[in-house]
Amino acid sequence: MAYTVLARRYRSQSFGSVVGQEPIASTLINAIKSERVAHAYLFCGTRGVGKTSMARIFARALNAPATIDDAPAVEGTEYPEDDVQQRMAEAIMKGEDLNVIEIDGASNNSVDQARQLIANAGLSPTANALYKIYIIDEVHMLSGAAFNALLKTMEEPPSHVKFILCTTEPHKVPPTIQSRCQRFDFRNIATGKIADHLSEVLKGESVEADSEVVWQVARLGNGSMRDALSLMDRLLATGESPLTAKVLQDMLGLPDAELIAALIDALANGDVKASLTATADLLGRGIGQDQLVEVLIERLRQLMLVAACGPDSELIELSEDAKPQAVEQSQRFDAAGLVHMIALCENLHRHAKASSNPRALLDATIVRLALAEKMADVSAVLSGGVAIAEKKKLTANPQAKPRAAERSDKAPDTPRAGTTPSHATPAKPQAAAPNPTAQTPPPTAQGAMPTADASNPAAVWQAVLDTVGQSNAAAWMDHFRIDSIDTSSNPAVATLVSTMSFAGGAANVATGPRLQRVADTITQIIGRATQAQLADTQRPATGDTSQRGGPQQGGAPDNSMRGNAVDRREALNLPLVRDVFEVFPDASLINTRKQDPPPQAE
């Protein structure tokens, strides 16, 4: 007996068995039961999502209403002589019924064939059939003349004629045809539903397979059940049992999952040598660079979803066996950092195609990913605080070290160079004046609120860092310290000074909301209402021309700040600046400066 592929052998035989298209199946069933069946339908969707199967099931239900709620008996079943509907139902599903005509639009696309269809449509269906049903697959392949010939018949067909059009490219179907049809858009099938169906198929074939293999085949199906079943057919053809990840990797030439995991671990450890070695091993096994980058992006995406949503989220497309490793690896990154890593890989994927040396770009990107935690943060560069960023974890990670512990061996008045890591999204400065009145204090961190004496500004500032300095959004505090706390006024006044070398950076970084948050925290620490302000030397009064590049009192103009008059659009169009914003999309341009021209030779 000739072998029948899985996609045909396990083809849906009832409305309920069309995986992932429950809303459409329910609508069609209710249309039949309520006798509100239209004369033409248009089924749209990508390949392998059940369009033609649904068309056959719908045609069967129209001509054999007794089978609307269940599938016909298996092939070869002997029916009683008077069971006409069951015999008709089986013939329709096998494509042998004379009243259900399936037409391939690609090979029957001429106007003459359309005219022949119209002529045949006028003939009544054979005995025992209610309708003559035309299923036109890939209808977008019909010629313009053929579409025009069908217009009149599709608008006012004979009462016994129904049209079911199927297409993967609905934009190629003329609007005049679409307006005469009821359109149903078939969705891509979720990976989990494909995996469940593949498991049922393997049970029917009496073949054992690792759960990770089933999930990986489901992901490779990209929402198409037929594609996934075709891949599973290839796996079964190997004769291996049970089916393992190695069998799948060898058959499809996929990157070794263990080497991908080793690469991720090396990136998390910041080990450049191990990262490049794992990359070279993957390429040395015949894996294409594009394929490697695509697999790496998908792996980083799964880690990002685990880090952001947790391992139990429905968004996670991993088997139960693969989740523990993903959870362990995701705890070594933060979600914002993984977003940045994905952006770097996508940038590599886009530019490598036009490069004369794509391997160099790949290696450079791998090094960049491995050293991401040690790169200078753009926000720190723009504000003058160029330093090496400290490595931080997600605040939800119980193993993450608090920022206070990282600072405990530093004097409070030492200039703080560490900033948010390049993996974290820098907070954009907002122009706002500090609110002088202390408001309701913010929620405290887990544990007791630290206390300190207002006479010791250094201890108060350390307590502030212990309280609110654990989040990435509070990294701006690395560039400030408390100079003094005036308790003679009511409320008390805490004066902050900046350690940044950039003269105008303090006012842009220490915005009103940030100062208010510091004031609220100090209020809780010292036990009395407090407002926070910047030292006068850090925030020029309104109308001070020193910040605009104008002349200062008693002297020549300050050329170092003359750049505020430079058109910001001109600066944003500079190639170097564009490259920075492409790598760091959340960065912001704080200021611009022009360098003095070189002295002319006398």
Protein backbone atom coordinates (compact mmCIF):
# COMPACT_ATOMS: atom_id res chain seq x y z
CA MET A 1 0.00 0.00 0.00
CA ALA A 2 1.28 3.46 -0.89
CA TYR A 3 2.37 5.60 2.06
CA THR A 4 0.18 8.60 2.90
CA VAL A 5 1.95 11.57 4.48
CA LEU A 6 0.97 12.72 7.94
CA ALA A 7 -0.53 15.99 6.70
CA ARG A 8 -3.11 14.04 4.68
CA ARG A 9 -3.59 11.13 7.04
CA TYR A 10 -4.29 13.39 10.03
CA ARG A 11 -6.20 16.04 8.13
CA SER A 12 -9.06 17.62 10.09
CA GLN A 13 -12.37 15.81 9.55
CA SER A 14 -14.72 18.00 11.60
CA PHE A 15 -15.18 21.60 12.65
CA GLY A 16 -13.86 20.89 16.13
CA SER A 17 -10.68 19.24 14.85
CA VAL A 18 -9.46 22.28 12.86
CA VAL A 19 -6.76 23.39 15.30
CA GLY A 20 -6.65 27.05 16.24
CA GLN A 21 -9.65 28.22 14.18
CA GLU A 22 -12.43 27.76 16.72
CA PRO A 23 -14.08 31.21 16.18
CA ILE A 24 -14.45 30.60 12.44
CA ALA A 25 -15.78 27.06 12.95
CA SER A 26 -18.33 28.30 15.46
CA THR A 27 -19.53 31.04 13.10
CA LEU A 28 -19.98 28.64 10.18
CA ILE A 29 -21.86 26.11 12.33
CA ASN A 30 -24.23 28.79 13.60
CA ALA A 31 -24.76 30.09 10.05
CA ILE A 32 -25.91 26.64 8.92
CA LYS A 33 -28.13 26.06 11.95
CA SER A 34 -29.75 29.49 11.67
CA GLU A 35 -30.10 29.17 7.86
CA ARG A 36 -28.04 32.32 7.23
CA VAL A 37 -25.56 30.81 4.78
CA ALA A 38 -24.14 33.32 2.29
CA HIS A 39 -23.64 32.49 -1.37
CA ALA A 40 -19.85 33.18 -1.36
CA TYR A 41 -17.06 32.93 1.22
CA LEU A 42 -13.42 34.02 1.11
CA PHE A 43 -10.99 32.12 3.38
CA CYS A 44 -7.68 33.98 3.86
CA GLY A 45 -4.55 32.95 5.72
CA THR A 46 -1.02 31.63 5.42
CA ARG A 47 -0.31 28.13 4.19
CA GLY A 48 -1.19 25.15 6.32
CA VAL A 49 -3.64 26.82 8.74
CA GLY A 50 -6.75 24.87 7.65
CA LYS A 51 -8.39 26.90 4.87
CA THR A 52 -9.02 24.07 2.41
CA SER A 53 -9.84 21.60 5.18
CA MET A 54 -12.41 24.02 6.59
CA ALA A 55 -13.82 24.54 3.07
CA ARG A 56 -14.36 20.77 2.66
CA ILE A 57 -15.89 20.40 6.11
CA PHE A 58 -18.19 23.36 5.44
CA ALA A 59 -19.21 21.91 2.05
CA ARG A 60 -19.91 18.55 3.70
CA ALA A 61 -22.04 20.20 6.38
CA LEU A 62 -24.04 22.08 3.72
CA ASN A 63 -24.89 18.98 1.70
CA ALA A 64 -25.03 16.53 4.62
CA PRO A 65 -26.40 18.50 7.61
CA ALA A 66 -26.53 15.37 9.75
CA THR A 67 -22.70 15.43 9.96
CA ILE A 68 -22.41 19.03 11.11
CA ASP A 69 -21.50 18.18 14.70
CA ASP A 70 -19.22 15.19 14.15
CA ALA A 71 -16.84 13.65 11.67
CA PRO A 72 -17.86 10.89 9.28
CA ALA A 73 -16.77 7.35 10.05
CA VAL A 74 -13.28 6.24 9.14
CA GLU A 75 -12.49 5.27 5.60
CA GLY A 76 -13.61 1.76 4.65
CA THR A 77 -16.66 1.74 6.92
CA GLU A 78 -19.66 -0.09 5.40
CA TYR A 79 -22.79 2.09 5.53
CA PRO A 80 -26.39 0.92 5.27
CA GLU A 81 -28.03 1.34 1.89
CA ASP A 82 -30.30 4.08 3.20
CA ASP A 83 -27.47 6.09 4.88
CA VAL A 84 -27.10 8.46 1.96
CA GLN A 85 -25.74 11.42 3.91
CA GLN A 86 -22.86 9.45 5.41
CA ARG A 87 -21.87 8.12 2.02
CA MET A 88 -22.04 11.63 0.57
CA ALA A 89 -20.02 13.00 3.50
CA GLU A 90 -17.22 10.50 2.95
CA ALA A 91 -17.12 11.22 -0.78
CA ILE A 92 -16.88 14.97 -0.14
CA MET A 93 -13.97 14.59 2.29
CA LYS A 94 -12.17 12.35 -0.21
CA GLY A 95 -12.77 14.84 -3.04
CA GLU A 96 -14.92 12.38 -5.02
CA ASP A 97 -18.36 13.98 -4.79
CA LEU A 98 -19.75 15.38 -8.07
CA ASN A 99 -21.54 18.25 -6.34
CA VAL A 100 -18.43 19.66 -4.62
CA ILE A 101 -16.03 20.80 -7.32
CA GLU A 102 -12.49 21.73 -6.22
CA ILE A 103 -10.66 23.97 -8.70
CA ASP A 104 -6.99 24.97 -8.61
CA GLY A 105 -6.84 28.66 -9.42
CA ALA A 106 -3.26 28.43 -10.67
CA SER A 107 -4.06 25.92 -13.44
CA ASN A 108 -7.58 27.11 -14.26
CA ASN A 109 -7.02 30.83 -14.50
CA SER A 110 -8.15 31.72 -18.00
CA VAL A 111 -11.34 33.52 -18.94
CA ASP A 112 -12.52 30.52 -21.02
CA GLN A 113 -12.33 28.25 -17.98
CA ALA A 114 -14.22 30.85 -15.94
CA ARG A 115 -16.97 30.91 -18.58
CA GLN A 116 -17.16 27.11 -18.47
CA LEU A 117 -17.56 27.28 -14.69
CA ILE A 118 -20.40 29.76 -15.09
CA ALA A 119 -22.15 27.52 -17.63
CA ASN A 120 -21.88 24.48 -15.36
CA ALA A 121 -23.12 26.45 -12.36
CA GLY A 122 -26.51 26.74 -13.97
CA LEU A 123 -27.01 22.98 -13.81
CA SER A 124 -28.83 21.62 -10.78
CA PRO A 125 -27.00 19.37 -8.30
CA THR A 126 -27.48 15.62 -8.53
CA ALA A 127 -30.06 13.76 -6.49
CA ASN A 128 -29.89 13.97 -2.68
CA ALA A 129 -27.57 17.02 -2.75
CA LEU A 130 -28.79 20.44 -1.66
CA TYR A 131 -26.10 22.59 -3.29
CA LYS A 132 -23.49 22.63 -6.00
CA ILE A 133 -20.39 23.98 -4.24
CA TYR A 134 -17.29 25.36 -5.96
CA ILE A 135 -14.07 25.45 -3.88
CA ILE A 136 -11.49 27.56 -5.73
CA ASP A 137 -8.07 27.19 -4.08
CA GLU A 138 -5.41 29.91 -4.57
CA VAL A 139 -8.06 32.09 -6.16
CA HIS A 140 -5.66 35.05 -6.38
CA MET A 141 -3.98 33.23 -9.31
CA LEU A 142 -6.97 33.82 -11.59
CA SER A 143 -6.42 36.33 -14.36
CA GLY A 144 -8.10 39.72 -14.36
CA ALA A 145 -10.39 38.67 -17.20
CA ALA A 146 -11.42 35.53 -15.30
CA PHE A 147 -12.28 37.60 -12.23
CA ASN A 148 -14.35 39.96 -14.36
CA ALA A 149 -16.21 37.04 -15.92
CA LEU A 150 -17.15 35.74 -12.45
CA LEU A 151 -18.46 39.06 -11.12
CA LYS A 152 -22.07 38.73 -12.20
CA THR A 153 -22.40 35.08 -11.23
CA MET A 154 -20.85 35.69 -7.79
CA GLU A 155 -23.15 38.64 -7.16
CA GLU A 156 -26.38 36.85 -8.15
CA PRO A 157 -25.65 33.11 -8.38
CA PRO A 158 -28.36 30.46 -8.78
CA SER A 159 -29.93 29.52 -5.46
CA HIS A 160 -28.30 26.09 -5.49
CA VAL A 161 -24.70 27.40 -6.00
CA LYS A 162 -22.19 28.27 -3.25
CA PHE A 163 -18.65 29.58 -3.76
CA ILE A 164 -15.79 29.03 -1.26
CA LEU A 165 -12.63 30.87 -2.29
CA CYS A 166 -9.29 30.20 -0.56
CA THR A 167 -6.17 32.36 -0.84
CA THR A 168 -2.86 33.03 0.84
CA GLU A 169 -2.64 36.50 -0.73
CA PRO A 170 -5.97 38.29 -0.27
CA HIS A 171 -4.51 41.62 -1.41
CA LYS A 172 -4.35 40.16 -4.93
CA VAL A 173 -8.07 39.41 -4.97
CA PRO A 174 -9.93 42.35 -6.57
CA PRO A 175 -12.09 44.39 -4.18
CA THR A 176 -15.06 43.75 -6.46
CA ILE A 177 -14.73 40.02 -5.69
CA GLN A 178 -14.09 40.52 -1.97
CA SER A 179 -17.16 42.73 -1.62
CA ARG A 180 -19.33 39.84 -2.88
CA CYS A 181 -17.97 37.41 -0.26
CA GLN A 182 -18.03 36.91 3.47
CA ARG A 183 -14.36 37.07 4.42
CA PHE A 184 -12.78 34.94 7.16
CA ASP A 185 -9.14 35.45 8.15
CA PHE A 186 -7.48 32.29 9.45
CA ARG A 187 -4.93 32.97 12.18
CA ASN A 188 -1.51 31.37 12.48
CA ILE A 189 -1.72 28.45 14.89
CA ALA A 190 -0.10 28.92 18.30
CA THR A 191 3.06 26.93 18.93
CA GLY A 192 1.55 25.22 21.96
CA LYS A 193 -1.45 23.98 19.99
CA ILE A 194 0.80 22.67 17.22
CA ALA A 195 2.93 20.86 19.82
CA ASP A 196 -0.16 19.26 21.38
CA HIS A 197 -1.38 18.06 17.97
CA LEU A 198 2.07 16.68 17.10
CA SER A 199 2.08 14.73 20.36
CA GLU A 200 -1.26 13.16 19.42
CA VAL A 201 0.09 12.28 15.98
CA LEU A 202 3.16 10.61 17.51
CA LYS A 203 0.90 8.58 19.79
CA GLY A 204 -1.07 7.48 16.75
CA GLU A 205 2.16 6.45 15.04
CA SER A 206 3.45 4.68 18.19
CA VAL A 207 6.66 6.71 18.14
CA GLU A 208 8.35 8.16 21.23
CA ALA A 209 9.95 11.61 21.11
CA ASP A 210 11.52 14.03 23.58
CA SER A 211 9.24 16.91 24.49
CA GLU A 212 11.89 19.41 23.35
CA VAL A 213 11.88 17.83 19.88
CA VAL A 214 8.10 18.25 19.63
CA TRP A 215 8.30 21.89 20.72
CA GLN A 216 11.18 22.66 18.39
CA VAL A 217 9.32 21.18 15.41
CA ALA A 218 6.25 23.19 16.41
CA ARG A 219 8.31 26.40 16.51
CA LEU A 220 9.85 25.62 13.12
CA GLY A 221 6.33 25.31 11.72
CA ASN A 222 5.93 29.09 12.17
CA GLY A 223 2.21 28.81 12.78
CA SER A 224 1.57 26.30 9.98
CA MET A 225 0.31 22.87 10.99
CA ARG A 226 1.10 21.40 7.58
CA ASP A 227 4.71 22.62 7.72
CA ALA A 228 5.12 21.12 11.19
CA LEU A 229 3.65 17.79 10.09
CA SER A 230 5.94 17.74 7.05
CA LEU A 231 8.98 18.23 9.32
CA MET A 232 7.73 15.46 11.59
CA ASP A 233 7.35 13.20 8.55
CA ARG A 234 11.04 13.76 7.76
CA LEU A 235 11.96 12.89 11.33
CA LEU A 236 9.96 9.67 11.22
CA ALA A 237 11.66 8.75 7.97
CA THR A 238 15.01 8.56 9.81
CA GLY A 239 13.76 5.45 11.62
CA GLU A 240 15.15 6.65 14.95
CA SER A 241 13.26 5.92 18.13
CA PRO A 242 12.96 7.75 20.38
CA LEU A 243 13.34 11.01 18.48
CA THR A 244 15.95 13.20 20.19
CA ALA A 245 17.19 16.75 19.73
CA LYS A 246 20.37 15.42 18.12
CA VAL A 247 18.36 13.61 15.45
CA LEU A 248 16.53 16.85 14.64
CA GLN A 249 19.74 18.89 14.59
CA ASP A 250 21.50 16.42 12.30
CA MET A 251 18.56 16.17 9.92
CA LEU A 252 17.86 19.90 9.58
CA GLY A 253 21.39 21.20 10.14
CA LEU A 254 20.37 23.20 13.20
CA PRO A 255 22.94 24.62 15.63
CA ASP A 256 23.82 22.38 18.55
CA ALA A 257 21.61 23.39 21.50
CA GLU A 258 24.44 22.71 23.96
CA LEU A 259 26.81 25.02 22.08
CA ILE A 260 24.13 27.73 21.97
CA ALA A 261 23.71 27.35 25.73
CA ALA A 262 27.49 27.54 26.17
CA LEU A 263 27.55 30.74 24.11
CA ILE A 264 24.82 32.29 26.25
CA ASP A 265 26.69 31.32 29.43
CA ALA A 266 29.91 32.84 28.10
CA LEU A 267 28.11 36.08 27.25
CA ALA A 268 26.58 36.19 30.72
CA ASN A 269 30.03 35.70 32.28
CA GLY A 270 31.58 38.39 30.10
CA ASP A 271 34.10 35.81 28.85
CA VAL A 272 35.19 37.07 25.42
CA LYS A 273 37.43 34.10 24.66
CA ALA A 274 34.79 31.51 25.49
CA SER A 275 32.17 33.45 23.52
CA LEU A 276 34.32 33.58 20.39
CA THR A 277 35.28 29.92 20.83
CA ALA A 278 31.66 28.80 21.02
CA THR A 279 30.84 30.91 17.96
CA ALA A 280 33.74 29.37 16.01
CA ASP A 281 32.65 25.85 17.05
CA LEU A 282 29.13 26.49 15.78
CA LEU A 283 30.35 27.85 12.45
CA GLY A 284 32.87 25.01 12.18
CA ARG A 285 30.03 22.50 12.19
CA GLY A 286 28.65 23.90 8.97
CA ILE A 287 26.10 26.28 10.47
CA GLY A 288 25.51 29.38 8.34
CA GLN A 289 26.11 32.74 9.96
CA ASP A 290 22.58 33.94 9.24
CA GLN A 291 21.15 30.79 10.80
CA LEU A 292 23.35 31.19 13.88
CA VAL A 293 22.24 34.79 14.40
CA GLU A 294 18.58 33.85 13.96
CA VAL A 295 18.87 31.06 16.56
CA LEU A 296 20.72 33.39 18.94
CA ILE A 297 18.02 36.05 18.58
CA GLU A 298 15.29 33.49 19.28
CA ARG A 299 17.15 32.20 22.34
CA LEU A 300 17.64 35.72 23.70
CA ARG A 301 13.96 36.40 23.06
CA GLN A 302 12.94 33.42 25.16
CA LEU A 303 15.25 34.54 27.97
CA MET A 304 13.79 38.05 27.77
CA LEU A 305 10.26 36.68 28.10
CA VAL A 306 11.26 34.52 31.06
CA ALA A 307 12.99 37.48 32.74
CA ALA A 308 10.09 39.86 32.11
CA CYS A 309 7.06 37.57 32.52
CA GLY A 310 8.25 34.62 34.57
CA PRO A 311 8.64 30.98 33.53
CA ASP A 312 4.93 30.17 33.86
CA SER A 313 3.76 32.77 31.32
CA GLU A 314 1.83 31.55 28.28
CA LEU A 315 4.21 33.59 26.14
CA ILE A 316 7.05 31.16 26.87
CA GLU A 317 7.38 28.72 23.98
CA LEU A 318 9.58 26.16 25.70
CA SER A 319 9.05 22.61 26.81
CA GLU A 320 8.96 21.80 30.52
CA ASP A 321 12.37 20.13 30.17
CA ALA A 322 13.95 23.28 28.68
CA LYS A 323 12.47 25.80 31.12
CA PRO A 324 14.85 25.22 34.07
CA GLN A 325 17.90 26.10 31.98
CA ALA A 326 16.14 29.15 30.54
CA VAL A 327 15.20 30.34 34.05
CA GLU A 328 18.78 29.91 35.28
CA GLN A 329 20.22 31.81 32.33
CA SER A 330 17.61 34.58 32.45
CA GLN A 331 18.55 35.33 36.08
CA ARG A 332 21.99 36.36 34.88
CA PHE A 333 20.60 39.12 32.69
CA ASP A 334 18.09 41.90 33.12
CA ALA A 335 15.20 42.34 30.70
CA ALA A 336 16.45 45.70 29.41
CA GLY A 337 19.87 44.20 28.75
CA LEU A 338 18.37 41.37 26.73
CA VAL A 339 16.41 43.89 24.67
CA HIS A 340 19.68 45.63 23.89
CA MET A 341 21.40 42.34 22.98
CA ILE A 342 18.57 41.42 20.61
CA ALA A 343 18.85 44.85 18.98
CA LEU A 344 22.59 44.33 18.44
CA CYS A 345 22.01 40.90 16.88
CA GLU A 346 19.26 42.24 14.63
CA ASN A 347 21.55 45.09 13.57
CA LEU A 348 24.24 42.52 12.73
CA HIS A 349 21.74 40.42 10.75
CA ARG A 350 20.76 43.46 8.71
CA HIS A 351 24.24 44.82 7.98
CA ALA A 352 26.12 41.54 7.47
CA LYS A 353 24.31 40.94 4.17
CA ALA A 354 25.88 44.04 2.65
CA SER A 355 29.33 43.56 4.20
CA SER A 356 32.38 42.26 2.40
CA ASN A 357 33.51 40.62 5.66
CA PRO A 358 30.43 39.45 7.58
CA ARG A 359 32.53 37.23 9.88
CA ALA A 360 34.30 40.32 11.21
CA LEU A 361 30.95 41.90 12.04
CA LEU A 362 29.83 38.71 13.77
CA ASP A 363 32.95 38.48 15.92
CA ALA A 364 32.77 42.19 16.77
CA THR A 365 29.15 41.84 17.84
CA ILE A 366 29.93 38.79 19.98
CA VAL A 367 32.71 40.74 21.70
CA ARG A 368 30.34 43.68 22.17
CA LEU A 369 27.73 41.41 23.74
CA ALA A 370 30.29 39.81 26.07
CA LEU A 371 31.66 43.19 27.17
CA ALA A 372 28.29 44.91 27.39
CA GLU A 373 28.49 45.28 31.17
CA LYS A 374 31.92 46.90 30.91
CA MET A 375 31.12 49.47 28.24
CA ALA A 376 30.73 53.13 29.14
CA ASP A 377 27.10 54.18 29.40
CA VAL A 378 26.02 56.74 26.80
CA SER A 379 24.06 58.79 29.32
CA ALA A 380 27.19 59.03 31.45
CA VAL A 381 29.27 60.09 28.45
CA LEU A 382 26.81 62.81 27.48
CA SER A 383 26.63 64.10 31.05
CA GLY A 384 30.40 64.03 31.55
CA GLY A 385 30.62 61.02 33.85
CA VAL A 386 32.62 58.63 31.64
CA ALA A 387 33.23 55.49 33.67
CA ILE A 388 32.85 51.74 33.73
CA ALA A 389 29.31 50.69 34.56
CA GLU A 390 28.71 48.38 37.48
CA LYS A 391 27.00 45.08 36.74
CA LYS A 392 23.41 44.97 38.00
CA LYS A 393 20.70 42.34 38.00
CA LEU A 394 16.94 42.55 37.92
CA THR A 395 15.63 44.02 41.13
CA ALA A 396 13.33 40.98 41.30
CA ASN A 397 16.34 38.67 41.40
CA PRO A 398 16.85 37.67 45.05
CA GLN A 399 20.53 36.94 44.37
CA ALA A 400 21.21 40.40 43.01
CA LYS A 401 23.60 42.43 45.14
CA PRO A 402 22.17 45.70 46.42
CA ARG A 403 23.78 48.89 45.20
CA ALA A 404 24.47 49.89 48.79
CA ALA A 405 26.67 46.85 49.29
CA GLU A 406 28.65 47.80 46.21
CA ARG A 407 29.21 51.26 47.63
CA SER A 408 29.89 50.35 51.26
CA ASP A 409 33.65 50.60 50.86
CA LYS A 410 33.51 54.03 49.19
CA ALA A 411 33.54 57.36 50.97
CA PRO A 412 30.31 59.30 50.40
CA ASP A 413 32.12 62.36 49.12
CA THR A 414 34.15 60.45 46.55
CA PRO A 415 33.08 61.23 42.96
CA ARG A 416 30.91 58.37 41.80
CA ALA A 417 31.77 57.21 38.29
CA GLY A 418 29.57 54.11 37.98
CA THR A 419 26.38 54.56 36.08
CA THR A 420 23.62 52.38 34.76
CA PRO A 421 25.01 49.57 32.64
CA SER A 422 24.61 49.73 28.89
CA HIS A 423 22.10 46.89 29.28
CA ALA A 424 19.77 49.19 31.24
CA THR A 425 17.55 51.87 29.76
CA PRO A 426 18.80 55.30 30.91
CA ALA A 427 16.20 57.60 32.42
CA LYS A 428 15.50 60.56 30.18
CA PRO A 429 15.99 63.92 31.93
CA GLN A 430 12.92 66.12 32.19
CA ALA A 431 12.97 69.83 32.73
CA ALA A 432 11.13 70.48 35.99
CA ALA A 433 11.73 72.59 39.08
CA PRO A 434 12.03 70.83 42.44
CA ASN A 435 8.95 70.93 44.61
CA PRO A 436 9.97 72.71 47.84
CA THR A 437 7.21 71.03 49.87
CA ALA A 438 7.77 67.46 51.01
CA GLN A 439 4.98 65.21 49.80
CA THR A 440 3.90 61.76 50.84
CA PRO A 441 7.03 59.60 51.09
CA PRO A 442 7.48 56.91 48.47
CA PRO A 443 7.02 53.25 49.34
CA THR A 444 9.96 51.92 51.24
CA ALA A 445 12.10 49.04 50.08
CA GLN A 446 11.78 45.67 51.68
CA GLY A 447 13.02 45.76 55.28
CA ALA A 448 13.20 48.58 57.88
CA MET A 449 13.85 52.17 56.81
CA PRO A 450 17.42 53.20 57.78
CA THR A 451 17.87 56.25 60.00
CA ALA A 452 20.66 58.81 60.32
CA ASP A 453 21.41 62.06 62.12
CA ALA A 454 20.90 65.23 60.08
CA SER A 455 24.22 66.51 61.43
CA ASN A 456 26.03 63.85 59.41
CA PRO A 457 25.18 64.52 55.71
CA ALA A 458 27.44 61.67 54.56
CA ALA A 459 25.53 59.13 56.64
CA VAL A 460 22.19 60.53 55.47
CA TRP A 461 23.22 60.23 51.81
CA GLN A 462 24.41 56.66 52.37
CA ALA A 463 21.01 55.87 53.91
CA VAL A 464 19.30 57.42 50.86
CA LEU A 465 21.38 55.19 48.57
CA ASP A 466 20.56 52.15 50.70
CA THR A 467 16.85 52.93 50.41
CA VAL A 468 16.25 53.95 46.80
CA GLY A 469 19.54 53.35 45.09
CA GLN A 470 18.95 49.71 44.16
CA SER A 471 16.91 50.44 41.03
CA ASN A 472 18.44 51.33 37.67
CA ALA A 473 16.29 54.48 37.59
CA ALA A 474 18.23 55.82 40.61
CA ALA A 475 21.67 55.53 39.00
CA TRP A 476 21.82 59.33 38.56
CA MET A 477 22.59 59.54 42.30
CA ASP A 478 26.06 58.19 41.56
CA HIS A 479 27.01 61.73 40.48
CA PHE A 480 25.73 63.59 43.57
CA ARG A 481 26.23 63.87 47.32
CA ILE A 482 24.74 65.90 50.16
CA ASP A 483 26.87 68.94 50.98
CA SER A 484 24.85 70.14 53.98
CA ILE A 485 21.49 69.85 55.75
CA ASP A 486 20.12 73.09 57.22
CA THR A 487 17.88 72.14 60.13
CA SER A 488 17.32 75.71 61.28
CA SER A 489 14.56 76.25 58.73
CA ASN A 490 11.19 74.53 58.50
CA PRO A 491 11.19 72.41 56.44
CA ALA A 492 14.86 71.46 56.59
CA VAL A 493 16.91 72.06 53.44
CA ALA A 494 19.29 69.43 52.07
CA THR A 495 21.76 70.88 49.56
CA LEU A 496 23.12 68.51 46.93
CA VAL A 497 26.33 69.06 44.99
CA SER A 498 27.35 67.33 41.78
CA THR A 499 30.56 65.44 41.16
CA MET A 500 30.17 65.69 37.36
CA SER A 501 32.82 67.47 35.33
CA PHE A 502 30.19 68.78 32.90
CA ALA A 503 29.08 72.18 34.22
CA GLY A 504 25.52 72.09 32.89
CA GLY A 505 24.89 68.42 33.53
CA ALA A 506 23.64 68.65 37.12
CA ALA A 507 20.57 70.73 36.35
CA ASN A 508 19.62 68.40 33.49
CA VAL A 509 20.10 65.22 35.53
CA ALA A 510 18.75 66.25 38.94
CA THR A 511 15.25 67.13 37.73
CA GLY A 512 12.39 68.21 39.95
CA PRO A 513 10.77 64.77 40.40
CA ARG A 514 14.13 63.22 41.25
CA LEU A 515 14.93 65.87 43.84
CA GLN A 516 11.45 65.45 45.31
CA ARG A 517 12.03 61.72 45.66
CA VAL A 518 15.32 62.41 47.48
CA ALA A 519 13.55 64.92 49.76
CA ASP A 520 10.81 62.43 50.60
CA THR A 521 13.39 59.78 51.45
CA ILE A 522 15.46 62.14 53.62
CA THR A 523 12.24 63.09 55.44
CA GLN A 524 11.79 59.48 56.47
CA ILE A 525 15.45 59.03 57.38
CA ILE A 526 15.94 62.08 59.63
CA GLY A 527 12.34 62.20 60.88
CA ARG A 528 11.38 65.73 59.84
CA ALA A 529 10.05 67.44 56.73
CA THR A 530 12.84 68.20 54.25
CA GLN A 531 13.22 69.73 50.82
CA ALA A 532 16.16 69.08 48.49
CA GLN A 533 17.91 71.59 46.28
CA LEU A 534 21.03 71.88 44.18
CA ALA A 535 23.88 74.11 45.25
CA ASP A 536 23.72 77.53 43.58
CA THR A 537 26.94 76.86 41.73
CA GLN A 538 25.28 73.91 40.01
CA ARG A 539 22.00 75.54 38.91
CA PRO A 540 22.40 79.03 37.36
CA ALA A 541 19.62 81.53 37.96
CA THR A 542 17.20 82.44 35.17
CA GLY A 543 18.79 84.78 32.71
CA ASP A 544 22.37 83.68 33.40
CA THR A 545 24.12 83.94 30.06
CA SER A 546 26.95 81.66 31.04
CA GLN A 547 24.85 78.68 30.07
CA ARG A 548 24.06 80.13 26.67
CA GLY A 549 27.52 80.80 25.46
CA GLY A 550 27.11 84.55 26.04
CA PRO A 551 29.61 86.78 27.83
CA GLN A 552 30.15 86.13 31.51
CA GLN A 553 30.47 88.84 34.09
CA GLY A 554 33.74 90.61 33.72
CA GLY A 555 35.23 88.43 31.03
CA ALA A 556 35.19 87.03 27.51
CA PRO A 557 32.55 84.56 26.34
CA ASP A 558 32.75 80.97 27.59
CA ASN A 559 33.39 78.96 24.45
CA SER A 560 32.89 75.63 26.26
CA MET A 561 29.12 76.16 26.47
CA ARG A 562 28.59 78.06 23.26
CA GLY A 563 27.10 74.94 21.74
CA ASN A 564 23.57 75.59 23.00
CA ALA A 565 23.17 77.86 19.99
CA VAL A 566 24.01 74.99 17.65
CA ASP A 567 21.01 73.60 15.80
CA ARG A 568 20.15 70.30 17.53
CA ARG A 569 18.97 68.83 14.25
CA GLU A 570 22.40 69.39 12.77
CA ALA A 571 23.98 67.51 15.68
CA LEU A 572 21.45 64.66 15.47
CA ASN A 573 22.26 64.20 11.77
CA LEU A 574 25.97 63.64 12.40
CA PRO A 575 26.93 60.05 11.44
CA LEU A 576 28.55 59.32 14.80
CA VAL A 577 25.53 60.58 16.72
CA ARG A 578 23.17 58.55 14.52
CA ASP A 579 25.25 55.41 15.21
CA VAL A 580 25.03 56.02 18.96
CA PHE A 581 21.25 56.39 18.85
CA GLU A 582 20.91 53.27 16.70
CA VAL A 583 22.74 51.19 19.31
CA PHE A 584 21.14 53.02 22.26
CA PRO A 585 17.63 53.97 21.08
CA ASP A 586 16.61 55.27 24.52
CA ALA A 587 19.51 57.73 24.81
CA SER A 588 18.85 61.47 24.81
CA LEU A 589 20.90 64.44 23.61
CA ILE A 590 21.58 66.58 26.68
CA ASN A 591 23.70 69.34 25.16
CA THR A 592 25.86 70.31 22.19
CA ARG A 593 29.16 72.14 22.15
CA LYS A 594 31.37 73.50 19.44
CA GLN A 595 35.12 73.25 19.67
CA ASP A 596 37.16 76.37 19.11
CA PRO A 597 38.85 76.43 15.70
CA PRO A 598 42.55 75.57 15.74
CA PRO A 599 44.82 78.63 16.07
CA GLN A 600 45.98 80.04 12.78
CA ALA A 601 49.70 79.94 12.10
CA GLU A 602 51.26 83.39 12.19
